PDB file of N, CA and C in Angstrom:
ATOM      1  N   MET A   1    -130.651 -36.897  20.923  1.00  0.00           N
ATOM      2  CA  MET A   1    -129.238 -37.390  20.406  1.00  0.00           C
ATOM      3  C   MET A   1    -128.302 -35.921  20.287  1.00  0.00           C
ATOM      4  N   GLU A   2    -127.232 -36.189  20.690  1.00  0.00           N
ATOM      5  CA  GLU A   2    -126.254 -34.772  20.348  1.00  0.00           C
ATOM      6  C   GLU A   2    -126.174 -34.659  18.882  1.00  0.00           C
ATOM      7  N   ARG A   3    -125.744 -33.169  18.664  1.00  0.00           N
ATOM      8  CA  ARG A   3    -125.329 -32.764  17.461  1.00  0.00           C
ATOM      9  C   ARG A   3    -123.920 -32.981  17.318  1.00  0.00           C
ATOM     10  N   PHE A   4    -123.601 -33.040  15.904  1.00  0.00           N
ATOM     11  CA  PHE A   4    -122.467 -33.557  15.413  1.00  0.00           C
ATOM     12  C   PHE A   4    -121.925 -32.321  14.130  1.00  0.00           C
ATOM     13  N   LEU A   5    -120.867 -31.568  14.696  1.00  0.00           N
ATOM     14  CA  LEU A   5    -120.768 -30.533  13.536  1.00  0.00           C
ATOM     15  C   LEU A   5    -119.797 -30.894  12.708  1.00  0.00           C
ATOM     16  N   THR A   6    -119.732 -30.458  11.761  1.00  0.00           N
ATOM     17  CA  THR A   6    -118.335 -30.769  10.603  1.00  0.00           C
ATOM     18  C   THR A   6    -117.416 -29.687  11.450  1.00  0.00           C
ATOM     19  N   ALA A   7    -116.207 -29.641  10.545  1.00  0.00           N
ATOM     20  CA  ALA A   7    -115.236 -28.487  11.186  1.00  0.00           C
ATOM     21  C   ALA A   7    -115.503 -27.800  10.267  1.00  0.00           C
ATOM     22  N   GLU A   8    -115.848 -27.392   9.102  1.00  0.00           N
ATOM     23  CA  GLU A   8    -116.305 -26.148   8.735  1.00  0.00           C
ATOM     24  C   GLU A   8    -117.331 -25.561   9.840  1.00  0.00           C
ATOM     25  N   GLU A   9    -118.677 -26.004  10.458  1.00  0.00           N
ATOM     26  CA  GLU A   9    -119.272 -25.482  11.221  1.00  0.00           C
ATOM     27  C   GLU A   9    -118.855 -25.119  12.768  1.00  0.00           C
ATOM     28  N   ALA A  10    -117.995 -25.904  13.103  1.00  0.00           N
ATOM     29  CA  ALA A  10    -117.028 -26.036  13.990  1.00  0.00           C
ATOM     30  C   ALA A  10    -116.272 -24.555  14.106  1.00  0.00           C
ATOM     31  N   ALA A  11    -115.384 -24.748  13.445  1.00  0.00           N
ATOM     32  CA  ALA A  11    -114.658 -23.455  13.180  1.00  0.00           C
ATOM     33  C   ALA A  11    -115.334 -22.357  12.976  1.00  0.00           C
ATOM     34  N   GLU A  12    -116.544 -22.437  12.478  1.00  0.00           N
ATOM     35  CA  GLU A  12    -117.205 -20.967  12.461  1.00  0.00           C
ATOM     36  C   GLU A  12    -117.611 -20.701  14.000  1.00  0.00           C
ATOM     37  N   MET A  13    -117.738 -21.544  14.626  1.00  0.00           N
ATOM     38  CA  MET A  13    -118.305 -21.424  15.995  1.00  0.00           C
ATOM     39  C   MET A  13    -117.239 -20.586  16.739  1.00  0.00           C
ATOM     40  N   LEU A  14    -116.071 -21.407  16.395  1.00  0.00           N
ATOM     41  CA  LEU A  14    -114.568 -20.644  17.228  1.00  0.00           C
ATOM     42  C   LEU A  14    -114.285 -19.466  16.766  1.00  0.00           C
ATOM     43  N   ASN A  15    -114.358 -19.788  15.589  1.00  0.00           N
ATOM     44  CA  ASN A  15    -114.061 -18.354  14.674  1.00  0.00           C
ATOM     45  C   ASN A  15    -112.496 -18.344  14.256  1.00  0.00           C
ATOM     46  N   VAL A  16    -112.124 -19.444  14.150  1.00  0.00           N
ATOM     47  CA  VAL A  16    -110.949 -20.004  13.349  1.00  0.00           C
ATOM     48  C   VAL A  16    -111.096 -20.462  12.043  1.00  0.00           C
ATOM     49  N   THR A  17    -110.164 -20.836  11.420  1.00  0.00           N
ATOM     50  CA  THR A  17    -110.190 -21.407  10.114  1.00  0.00           C
ATOM     51  C   THR A  17    -110.086 -23.025  10.007  1.00  0.00           C
ATOM     52  N   VAL A  18    -110.765 -23.562   9.500  1.00  0.00           N
ATOM     53  CA  VAL A  18    -110.858 -25.375   9.058  1.00  0.00           C
ATOM     54  C   VAL A  18    -109.279 -25.353   9.265  1.00  0.00           C
ATOM     55  N   ASN A  19    -108.280 -24.674   8.695  1.00  0.00           N
ATOM     56  CA  ASN A  19    -106.995 -25.580   8.924  1.00  0.00           C
ATOM     57  C   ASN A  19    -106.500 -25.180  10.192  1.00  0.00           C
ATOM     58  N   THR A  20    -106.881 -24.257  11.132  1.00  0.00           N
ATOM     59  CA  THR A  20    -106.417 -24.144  12.375  1.00  0.00           C
ATOM     60  C   THR A  20    -107.023 -25.272  13.129  1.00  0.00           C
ATOM     61  N   LEU A  21    -108.192 -25.724  12.926  1.00  0.00           N
ATOM     62  CA  LEU A  21    -108.820 -26.876  13.870  1.00  0.00           C
ATOM     63  C   LEU A  21    -107.730 -28.259  13.420  1.00  0.00           C
ATOM     64  N   ALA A  22    -107.325 -28.336  12.310  1.00  0.00           N
ATOM     65  CA  ALA A  22    -106.598 -29.535  11.768  1.00  0.00           C
ATOM     66  C   ALA A  22    -105.114 -29.645  12.721  1.00  0.00           C
ATOM     67  N   GLN A  23    -104.506 -27.963  12.369  1.00  0.00           N
ATOM     68  CA  GLN A  23    -103.307 -27.791  12.996  1.00  0.00           C
ATOM     69  C   GLN A  23    -103.682 -28.298  14.841  1.00  0.00           C
ATOM     70  N   TRP A  24    -104.917 -28.053  15.521  1.00  0.00           N
ATOM     71  CA  TRP A  24    -105.151 -28.345  16.789  1.00  0.00           C
ATOM     72  C   TRP A  24    -105.064 -29.747  17.052  1.00  0.00           C
ATOM     73  N   ARG A  25    -105.894 -30.444  15.941  1.00  0.00           N
ATOM     74  CA  ARG A  25    -106.022 -31.868  16.085  1.00  0.00           C
ATOM     75  C   ARG A  25    -104.406 -32.565  16.195  1.00  0.00           C
ATOM     76  N   ALA A  26    -103.169 -32.043  14.892  1.00  0.00           N
ATOM     77  CA  ALA A  26    -102.348 -32.815  14.871  1.00  0.00           C
ATOM     78  C   ALA A  26    -101.251 -32.080  15.815  1.00  0.00           C
ATOM     79  N   ASN A  27    -101.711 -31.386  16.765  1.00  0.00           N
ATOM     80  CA  ASN A  27    -100.566 -30.654  17.916  1.00  0.00           C
ATOM     81  C   ASN A  27    -101.547 -31.153  19.188  1.00  0.00           C
ATOM     82  N   ARG A  28    -102.496 -31.730  19.118  1.00  0.00           N
ATOM     83  CA  ARG A  28    -103.009 -31.908  20.529  1.00  0.00           C
ATOM     84  C   ARG A  28    -102.496 -31.950  21.875  1.00  0.00           C
ATOM     85  N   ALA A  29    -101.242 -32.535  21.775  1.00  0.00           N
ATOM     86  CA  ALA A  29    -100.921 -32.577  23.438  1.00  0.00           C
ATOM     87  C   ALA A  29    -100.404 -31.114  23.603  1.00  0.00           C
ATOM     88  N   ARG A  30    -100.072 -30.278  22.625  1.00  0.00           N
ATOM     89  CA  ARG A  30     -99.345 -29.115  22.976  1.00  0.00           C
ATOM     90  C   ARG A  30    -100.561 -27.998  22.989  1.00  0.00           C
ATOM     91  N   LEU A  31    -101.415 -27.873  22.070  1.00  0.00           N
ATOM     92  CA  LEU A  31    -102.590 -26.860  21.724  1.00  0.00           C
ATOM     93  C   LEU A  31    -103.776 -27.044  22.473  1.00  0.00           C
ATOM     94  N   ARG A  32    -104.654 -26.492  21.974  1.00  0.00           N
ATOM     95  CA  ARG A  32    -106.072 -26.402  22.662  1.00  0.00           C
ATOM     96  C   ARG A  32    -106.987 -27.664  22.007  1.00  0.00           C
ATOM     97  N   PRO A  33    -106.790 -28.712  23.068  1.00  0.00           N
ATOM     98  CA  PRO A  33    -107.083 -30.047  23.069  1.00  0.00           C
ATOM     99  C   PRO A  33    -108.926 -29.821  22.872  1.00  0.00           C
ATOM    100  N   ILE A  34    -109.615 -30.128  21.858  1.00  0.00           N
ATOM    101  CA  ILE A  34    -110.790 -29.859  21.723  1.00  0.00           C
ATOM    102  C   ILE A  34    -111.203 -31.594  21.236  1.00  0.00           C
ATOM    103  N   PRO A  35    -112.027 -32.216  21.893  1.00  0.00           N
ATOM    104  CA  PRO A  35    -112.474 -33.605  21.564  1.00  0.00           C
ATOM    105  C   PRO A  35    -112.863 -33.405  20.287  1.00  0.00           C
ATOM    106  N   TYR A  36    -112.747 -35.060  19.293  1.00  0.00           N
ATOM    107  CA  TYR A  36    -113.351 -34.545  18.009  1.00  0.00           C
ATOM    108  C   TYR A  36    -113.721 -36.451  17.641  1.00  0.00           C
ATOM    109  N   VAL A  37    -114.548 -36.353  16.896  1.00  0.00           N
ATOM    110  CA  VAL A  37    -114.892 -37.980  16.348  1.00  0.00           C
ATOM    111  C   VAL A  37    -114.122 -37.949  14.765  1.00  0.00           C
ATOM    112  N   ARG A  38    -113.405 -39.153  14.249  1.00  0.00           N
ATOM    113  CA  ARG A  38    -113.301 -39.707  13.409  1.00  0.00           C
ATOM    114  C   ARG A  38    -113.789 -40.631  12.401  1.00  0.00           C
ATOM    115  N   SER A  39    -114.599 -40.772  11.430  1.00  0.00           N
ATOM    116  CA  SER A  39    -115.079 -41.695  10.911  1.00  0.00           C
ATOM    117  C   SER A  39    -114.424 -41.663   9.424  1.00  0.00           C
ATOM    118  N   GLY A  40    -113.650 -42.489   9.300  1.00  0.00           N
ATOM    119  CA  GLY A  40    -112.634 -42.690   7.945  1.00  0.00           C
ATOM    120  C   GLY A  40    -112.046 -41.121   7.515  1.00  0.00           C
ATOM    121  N   LEU A  41    -112.456 -40.823   6.415  1.00  0.00           N
ATOM    122  CA  LEU A  41    -111.363 -39.151   6.696  1.00  0.00           C
ATOM    123  C   LEU A  41    -112.241 -37.801   7.356  1.00  0.00           C
ATOM    124  N   ARG A  42    -113.826 -38.524   7.674  1.00  0.00           N
ATOM    125  CA  ARG A  42    -114.489 -37.387   8.385  1.00  0.00           C
ATOM    126  C   ARG A  42    -114.268 -36.849   9.591  1.00  0.00           C
ATOM    127  N   VAL A  43    -114.156 -35.861  10.034  1.00  0.00           N
ATOM    128  CA  VAL A  43    -114.478 -35.197  11.041  1.00  0.00           C
ATOM    129  C   VAL A  43    -115.379 -34.351  11.916  1.00  0.00           C
ATOM    130  N   ARG A  44    -115.569 -34.909  13.178  1.00  0.00           N
ATOM    131  CA  ARG A  44    -117.077 -34.294  13.673  1.00  0.00           C
ATOM    132  C   ARG A  44    -116.538 -33.661  14.925  1.00  0.00           C
ATOM    133  N   TYR A  45    -117.266 -32.795  15.428  1.00  0.00           N
ATOM    134  CA  TYR A  45    -117.244 -32.116  16.934  1.00  0.00           C
ATOM    135  C   TYR A  45    -118.143 -32.330  17.288  1.00  0.00           C
ATOM    136  N   ARG A  46    -118.482 -32.713  18.547  1.00  0.00           N
ATOM    137  CA  ARG A  46    -120.047 -32.263  19.165  1.00  0.00           C
ATOM    138  C   ARG A  46    -120.115 -30.889  19.847  1.00  0.00           C
ATOM    139  N   GLU A  47    -120.840 -30.438  19.330  1.00  0.00           N
ATOM    140  CA  GLU A  47    -121.551 -29.326  20.030  1.00  0.00           C
ATOM    141  C   GLU A  47    -121.591 -28.698  20.908  1.00  0.00           C
ATOM    142  N   SER A  48    -121.615 -29.788  21.849  1.00  0.00           N
ATOM    143  CA  SER A  48    -121.316 -29.778  23.536  1.00  0.00           C
ATOM    144  C   SER A  48    -120.123 -29.326  23.865  1.00  0.00           C
ATOM    145  N   ASP A  49    -119.115 -29.845  23.150  1.00  0.00           N
ATOM    146  CA  ASP A  49    -117.805 -30.125  23.504  1.00  0.00           C
ATOM    147  C   ASP A  49    -117.205 -28.803  23.179  1.00  0.00           C
ATOM    148  N   ILE A  50    -117.565 -27.762  21.906  1.00  0.00           N
ATOM    149  CA  ILE A  50    -117.595 -26.927  21.624  1.00  0.00           C
ATOM    150  C   ILE A  50    -117.833 -25.837  22.362  1.00  0.00           C
ATOM    151  N   VAL A  51    -119.143 -25.802  23.026  1.00  0.00           N
ATOM    152  CA  VAL A  51    -119.592 -24.647  24.218  1.00  0.00           C
ATOM    153  C   VAL A  51    -118.546 -24.783  25.407  1.00  0.00           C
ATOM    154  N   LYS A  52    -118.543 -25.757  25.762  1.00  0.00           N
ATOM    155  CA  LYS A  52    -117.776 -26.483  26.845  1.00  0.00           C
ATOM    156  C   LYS A  52    -115.979 -25.591  26.593  1.00  0.00           C
ATOM    157  N   TYR A  53    -115.597 -25.681  25.389  1.00  0.00           N
ATOM    158  CA  TYR A  53    -114.368 -24.839  25.311  1.00  0.00           C
ATOM    159  C   TYR A  53    -114.522 -23.501  25.242  1.00  0.00           C
ATOM    160  N   LEU A  54    -115.678 -23.116  24.706  1.00  0.00           N
ATOM    161  CA  LEU A  54    -115.707 -21.544  24.720  1.00  0.00           C
ATOM    162  C   LEU A  54    -116.047 -20.912  26.099  1.00  0.00           C
ATOM    163  N   GLU A  55    -116.590 -21.805  26.625  1.00  0.00           N
ATOM    164  CA  GLU A  55    -117.097 -21.402  28.431  1.00  0.00           C
ATOM    165  C   GLU A  55    -115.626 -21.220  29.220  1.00  0.00           C
ATOM    166  N   THR A  56    -114.858 -22.223  28.856  1.00  0.00           N
ATOM    167  CA  THR A  56    -113.603 -22.269  29.416  1.00  0.00           C
ATOM    168  C   THR A  56    -112.873 -20.895  29.295  1.00  0.00           C
ATOM    169  N   ARG A  57    -113.103 -20.120  28.460  1.00  0.00           N
ATOM    170  CA  ARG A  57    -112.268 -19.230  28.040  1.00  0.00           C
ATOM    171  C   ARG A  57    -112.781 -17.852  28.314  1.00  0.00           C
ATOM    172  N   ILE A  58    -113.831 -17.686  29.147  1.00  0.00           N
ATOM    173  CA  ILE A  58    -114.527 -16.399  29.338  1.00  0.00           C
ATOM    174  C   ILE A  58    -113.962 -16.235  30.428  1.00  0.00           C
ATOM    175  N   ILE A  59    -113.691 -14.532  30.305  1.00  0.00           N
ATOM    176  CA  ILE A  59    -112.842 -13.542  31.006  1.00  0.00           C
ATOM    177  C   ILE A  59    -113.552 -12.615  31.770  1.00  0.00           C
ATOM    178  N   VAL A  60    -113.691 -12.497  32.825  1.00  0.00           N
ATOM    179  CA  VAL A  60    -114.767 -11.798  33.736  1.00  0.00           C
ATOM    180  C   VAL A  60    -113.500 -10.549  33.947  1.00  0.00           C
ATOM    181  N   PRO A  61    -113.894  -9.355  33.289  1.00  0.00           N
ATOM    182  CA  PRO A  61    -112.895  -8.285  33.680  1.00  0.00           C
ATOM    183  C   PRO A  61    -113.375  -8.388  35.054  1.00  0.00           C
ATOM    184  N   GLY A  62    -112.093  -7.794  36.041  1.00  0.00           N
ATOM    185  CA  GLY A  62    -111.706  -7.288  37.350  1.00  0.00           C
ATOM    186  C   GLY A  62    -111.396  -8.651  38.170  1.00  0.00           C
ATOM    187  N   GLN A  63    -111.510  -9.427  38.143  1.00  0.00           N
ATOM    188  CA  GLN A  63    -111.190 -10.706  38.613  1.00  0.00           C
ATOM    189  C   GLN A  63    -109.936 -11.602  37.937  1.00  0.00           C
ATOM    190  N   PRO A  64    -108.993 -12.112  39.067  1.00  0.00           N
ATOM    191  CA  PRO A  64    -108.083 -12.759  38.502  1.00  0.00           C
ATOM    192  C   PRO A  64    -108.195 -13.766  37.408  1.00  0.00           C
ATOM    193  N   ARG A  65    -107.525 -13.640  36.584  1.00  0.00           N
ATOM    194  CA  ARG A  65    -107.253 -14.965  35.692  1.00  0.00           C
ATOM    195  C   ARG A  65    -106.993 -16.061  36.140  1.00  0.00           C
ATOM    196  N   LYS A  66    -107.275 -17.521  35.924  1.00  0.00           N
ATOM    197  CA  LYS A  66    -106.308 -18.784  36.152  1.00  0.00           C
ATOM    198  C   LYS A  66    -105.288 -18.739  35.666  1.00  0.00           C
ATOM    199  N   LYS A  67    -104.251 -19.058  36.649  1.00  0.00           N
ATOM    200  CA  LYS A  67    -102.822 -19.786  36.166  1.00  0.00           C
ATOM    201  C   LYS A  67    -103.007 -20.648  34.762  1.00  0.00           C
ATOM    202  N   PRO A  68    -102.267 -20.307  33.872  1.00  0.00           N
ATOM    203  CA  PRO A  68    -102.147 -21.200  32.483  1.00  0.00           C
ATOM    204  C   PRO A  68    -101.938 -22.260  33.065  1.00  0.00           C
ATOM    205  N   ARG A  69    -102.119 -23.805  32.228  1.00  0.00           N
ATOM    206  CA  ARG A  69    -101.547 -24.956  32.389  1.00  0.00           C
ATOM    207  C   ARG A  69     -99.894 -24.879  31.952  1.00  0.00           C
ATOM    208  N   SER A  70     -99.271 -25.687  32.927  1.00  0.00           N
ATOM    209  CA  SER A  70     -97.764 -26.017  32.731  1.00  0.00           C
ATOM    210  C   SER A  70     -98.189 -26.681  31.533  1.00  0.00           C
ATOM    211  N   VAL A  71     -97.010 -26.386  30.482  1.00  0.00           N
ATOM    212  CA  VAL A  71     -96.376 -27.409  29.562  1.00  0.00           C
ATOM    213  C   VAL A  71     -95.079 -28.206  29.924  1.00  0.00           C
ATOM    214  N   ARG A  72     -95.788 -29.678  29.658  1.00  0.00           N
ATOM    215  CA  ARG A  72     -94.869 -30.591  29.797  1.00  0.00           C
ATOM    216  C   ARG A  72     -93.842 -30.746  29.045  1.00  0.00           C
ATOM    217  N   HIS A  73     -92.667 -31.285  29.325  1.00  0.00           N
ATOM    218  CA  HIS A  73     -91.466 -30.952  28.998  1.00  0.00           C
ATOM    219  C   HIS A  73     -90.953 -32.797  28.493  1.00  0.00           C
ATOM    220  N   ARG A  74     -90.487 -32.881  27.045  1.00  0.00           N
ATOM    221  CA  ARG A  74     -90.139 -33.908  26.998  1.00  0.00           C
ATOM    222  C   ARG A  74     -88.972 -34.675  27.367  1.00  0.00           C
ATOM    223  N   ALA A  75     -88.968 -36.142  27.851  1.00  0.00           N
ATOM    224  CA  ALA A  75     -88.162 -36.792  28.404  1.00  0.00           C
ATOM    225  C   ALA A  75     -86.954 -36.460  27.883  1.00  0.00           C
ATOM    226  N   GLY A  76     -85.639 -35.772  29.245  1.00  0.00           N
ATOM    227  CA  GLY A  76     -84.304 -35.715  28.300  1.00  0.00           C
ATOM    228  C   GLY A  76     -84.376 -34.197  28.218  1.00  0.00           C
ATOM    229  N   ALA A  77     -85.199 -33.311  28.212  1.00  0.00           N
ATOM    230  CA  ALA A  77     -85.312 -32.006  27.258  1.00  0.00           C
ATOM    231  C   ALA A  77     -84.976 -31.150  28.748  1.00  0.00           C
ATOM    232  N   THR A  78     -83.981 -30.034  28.643  1.00  0.00           N
ATOM    233  CA  THR A  78     -83.084 -29.632  29.538  1.00  0.00           C
ATOM    234  C   THR A  78     -84.145 -27.737  29.296  1.00  0.00           C
ATOM    235  N   ALA A  79     -84.054 -27.955  31.126  1.00  0.00           N
ATOM    236  CA  ALA A  79     -84.806 -26.253  30.834  1.00  0.00           C
ATOM    237  C   ALA A  79     -84.070 -25.336  30.500  1.00  0.00           C
ATOM    238  N   THR A  80     -83.108 -25.357  30.538  1.00  0.00           N
ATOM    239  CA  THR A  80     -81.915 -23.980  29.489  1.00  0.00           C
ATOM    240  C   THR A  80     -81.929 -24.641  28.101  1.00  0.00           C
ATOM    241  N   GLY A  81     -82.269 -23.219  27.266  1.00  0.00           N
ATOM    242  CA  GLY A  81     -82.620 -23.320  26.012  1.00  0.00           C
ATOM    243  C   GLY A  81     -80.738 -23.817  25.357  1.00  0.00           C
TER     244      GLY A  81
END
């Protein structure tokens, strides 16, 4: 069976704060989307999703970096600030 982590355990694996994880969940469309499960007030993360997230951020020196994903703009927003 898949291991589920608490927000505290996931934050420790990612080297971020629990508050940062909460911000990522609240702004999931714009920030780093990591899947999570909510049961009542409890939030859990699959350990495999955390590992997958970390693996996508591996940088190999000397190799070109992938282009960042483009940010979607809201309907009606203009490109000029």
